[in-house]
């Protein structure tokens, strides 16, 4: 994400990675996930970086989800799946 989405993404990452190695206190929960949040305020600036840097940030070998409130447009270049607005006016009152 690029702005207001980053906070909720950090909270989600914390929740996904907070269970204990044995699957939770009772051992019945899911195992923890290794989760990383990357903020990308400008896709064009990221694309201007060299390939080694881009691969170090987004290796492509791990499942990647983009979250962008404004639009999912263009995020397919960086993530395996995208969450974003796909129609006008759905975010609130106009």
C-alpha atoms as a PDB file:
ATOM      1  CA  UNK A   1       0.000   0.000   0.000  1.00  0.00           C
ATOM      2  CA  UNK A   2       0.917   3.626  -0.182  1.00  0.00           C
ATOM      3  CA  UNK A   3      -0.765   5.519   2.633  1.00  0.00           C
ATOM      4  CA  UNK A   4      -3.718   4.879   4.897  1.00  0.00           C
ATOM      5  CA  UNK A   5      -3.586   1.138   4.123  1.00  0.00           C
ATOM      6  CA  UNK A   6      -0.161   0.695   5.713  1.00  0.00           C
ATOM      7  CA  UNK A   7      -1.404   0.911   9.321  1.00  0.00           C
ATOM      8  CA  UNK A   8      -4.043  -1.821   8.944  1.00  0.00           C
ATOM      9  CA  UNK A   9      -1.500  -3.926   7.025  1.00  0.00           C
ATOM     10  CA  UNK A  10       0.983  -3.627   9.906  1.00  0.00           C
ATOM     11  CA  UNK A  11      -1.752  -4.633  12.366  1.00  0.00           C
ATOM     12  CA  UNK A  12      -2.688  -7.639  10.211  1.00  0.00           C
ATOM     13  CA  UNK A  13       0.968  -8.658   9.905  1.00  0.00           C
ATOM     14  CA  UNK A  14       1.379  -8.464  13.672  1.00  0.00           C
ATOM     15  CA  UNK A  15      -1.678 -10.645  14.175  1.00  0.00           C
ATOM     16  CA  UNK A  16      -0.519 -13.215  11.620  1.00  0.00           C
ATOM     17  CA  UNK A  17       2.944 -13.474  13.138  1.00  0.00           C
ATOM     18  CA  UNK A  18       1.996 -13.343  16.826  1.00  0.00           C
ATOM     19  CA  UNK A  19       1.052 -16.968  17.518  1.00  0.00           C
ATOM     20  CA  UNK A  20       3.626 -19.104  19.292  1.00  0.00           C
ATOM     21  CA  UNK A  21       5.757 -21.777  17.635  1.00  0.00           C
ATOM     22  CA  UNK A  22       3.608 -24.553  19.108  1.00  0.00           C
ATOM     23  CA  UNK A  23       0.499 -23.114  17.453  1.00  0.00           C
ATOM     24  CA  UNK A  24      -0.750 -20.876  20.226  1.00  0.00           C
ATOM     25  CA  UNK A  25      -1.012 -21.091  23.979  1.00  0.00           C
ATOM     26  CA  UNK A  26      -3.142 -24.216  23.868  1.00  0.00           C
ATOM     27  CA  UNK A  27      -1.329 -25.691  20.892  1.00  0.00           C
ATOM     28  CA  UNK A  28      -4.522 -25.617  18.841  1.00  0.00           C
ATOM     29  CA  UNK A  29      -4.027 -22.374  16.923  1.00  0.00           C
ATOM     30  CA  UNK A  30      -2.280 -21.872  13.601  1.00  0.00           C
ATOM     31  CA  UNK A  31       1.495 -21.637  13.508  1.00  0.00           C
ATOM     32  CA  UNK A  32       2.980 -18.147  13.130  1.00  0.00           C
ATOM     33  CA  UNK A  33       3.638 -16.759   9.676  1.00  0.00           C
ATOM     34  CA  UNK A  34       6.681 -14.784   8.619  1.00  0.00           C
ATOM     35  CA  UNK A  35       5.086 -11.572   7.382  1.00  0.00           C
ATOM     36  CA  UNK A  36       6.650  -8.368   6.075  1.00  0.00           C
ATOM     37  CA  UNK A  37       4.940  -5.090   5.159  1.00  0.00           C
ATOM     38  CA  UNK A  38       6.408  -2.991   2.359  1.00  0.00           C
ATOM     39  CA  UNK A  39       5.201   0.555   1.746  1.00  0.00           C
ATOM     40  CA  UNK A  40       5.510   1.650  -1.879  1.00  0.00           C
ATOM     41  CA  UNK A  41       4.391   5.292  -2.169  1.00  0.00           C
ATOM     42  CA  UNK A  42       5.429   5.521  -5.832  1.00  0.00           C
ATOM     43  CA  UNK A  43       5.448   2.553  -8.215  1.00  0.00           C
ATOM     44  CA  UNK A  44       7.451   4.496 -10.814  1.00  0.00           C
ATOM     45  CA  UNK A  45      10.216   5.329  -8.311  1.00  0.00           C
ATOM     46  CA  UNK A  46      10.408   1.660  -7.324  1.00  0.00           C
ATOM     47  CA  UNK A  47      10.670   0.613 -10.976  1.00  0.00           C
ATOM     48  CA  UNK A  48      13.602   3.020 -11.468  1.00  0.00           C
ATOM     49  CA  UNK A  49      15.641   1.078  -8.892  1.00  0.00           C
ATOM     50  CA  UNK A  50      18.033  -1.609 -10.064  1.00  0.00           C
ATOM     51  CA  UNK A  51      16.815  -5.198 -10.345  1.00  0.00           C
ATOM     52  CA  UNK A  52      18.835  -6.410  -7.349  1.00  0.00           C
ATOM     53  CA  UNK A  53      17.224  -3.847  -5.056  1.00  0.00           C
ATOM     54  CA  UNK A  54      13.717  -4.581  -6.366  1.00  0.00           C
ATOM     55  CA  UNK A  55      14.297  -8.325  -5.841  1.00  0.00           C
ATOM     56  CA  UNK A  56      15.532  -7.707  -2.283  1.00  0.00           C
ATOM     57  CA  UNK A  57      12.306  -5.858  -1.459  1.00  0.00           C
ATOM     58  CA  UNK A  58       9.873  -8.053  -3.426  1.00  0.00           C
ATOM     59  CA  UNK A  59      11.581 -11.360  -4.229  1.00  0.00           C
ATOM     60  CA  UNK A  60       8.618 -12.858  -6.094  1.00  0.00           C
ATOM     61  CA  UNK A  61       9.225 -16.257  -4.523  1.00  0.00           C
ATOM     62  CA  UNK A  62       6.857 -15.643  -1.600  1.00  0.00           C
ATOM     63  CA  UNK A  63       3.112 -14.987  -1.729  1.00  0.00           C
ATOM     64  CA  UNK A  64       2.600 -11.230  -2.020  1.00  0.00           C
ATOM     65  CA  UNK A  65      -0.604  -9.239  -1.525  1.00  0.00           C
ATOM     66  CA  UNK A  66      -1.048  -5.570  -2.391  1.00  0.00           C
ATOM     67  CA  UNK A  67      -3.562  -3.453  -0.508  1.00  0.00           C
ATOM     68  CA  UNK A  68      -4.459  -0.087  -2.029  1.00  0.00           C
ATOM     69  CA  UNK A  69      -7.592   1.872  -1.135  1.00  0.00           C
ATOM     70  CA  UNK A  70      -7.585   3.968  -4.288  1.00  0.00           C
ATOM     71  CA  UNK A  71      -7.247   1.301  -6.989  1.00  0.00           C
ATOM     72  CA  UNK A  72      -5.763  -2.115  -7.638  1.00  0.00           C
ATOM     73  CA  UNK A  73      -4.556  -0.860 -11.042  1.00  0.00           C
ATOM     74  CA  UNK A  74      -0.901  -1.628 -11.728  1.00  0.00           C
ATOM     75  CA  UNK A  75      -0.277  -3.627  -8.566  1.00  0.00           C
ATOM     76  CA  UNK A  76      -0.306  -6.908 -10.515  1.00  0.00           C
ATOM     77  CA  UNK A  77       3.293  -6.044 -11.463  1.00  0.00           C
ATOM     78  CA  UNK A  78       4.384  -6.376  -7.825  1.00  0.00           C
ATOM     79  CA  UNK A  79       2.004  -8.827  -6.149  1.00  0.00           C
ATOM     80  CA  UNK A  80       0.333 -12.180  -6.672  1.00  0.00           C
ATOM     81  CA  UNK A  81      -3.048 -10.825  -5.598  1.00  0.00           C
ATOM     82  CA  UNK A  82      -4.514  -7.363  -5.096  1.00  0.00           C
ATOM     83  CA  UNK A  83      -7.055  -5.781  -2.767  1.00  0.00           C
ATOM     84  CA  UNK A  84      -8.367  -2.391  -3.846  1.00  0.00           C
ATOM     85  CA  UNK A  85     -11.308  -0.383  -5.036  1.00  0.00           C
ATOM     86  CA  UNK A  86     -12.733  -1.603  -8.320  1.00  0.00           C
ATOM     87  CA  UNK A  87     -15.678   0.778  -8.640  1.00  0.00           C
ATOM     88  CA  UNK A  88     -16.430   4.417  -7.899  1.00  0.00           C
ATOM     89  CA  UNK A  89     -18.305   5.500  -4.769  1.00  0.00           C
ATOM     90  CA  UNK A  90     -18.024   2.299  -2.730  1.00  0.00           C
ATOM     91  CA  UNK A  91     -15.761   3.798  -0.058  1.00  0.00           C
ATOM     92  CA  UNK A  92     -18.321   6.129   1.475  1.00  0.00           C
ATOM     93  CA  UNK A  93     -20.880   8.844   1.002  1.00  0.00           C
ATOM     94  CA  UNK A  94     -20.318  11.123  -1.971  1.00  0.00           C
END
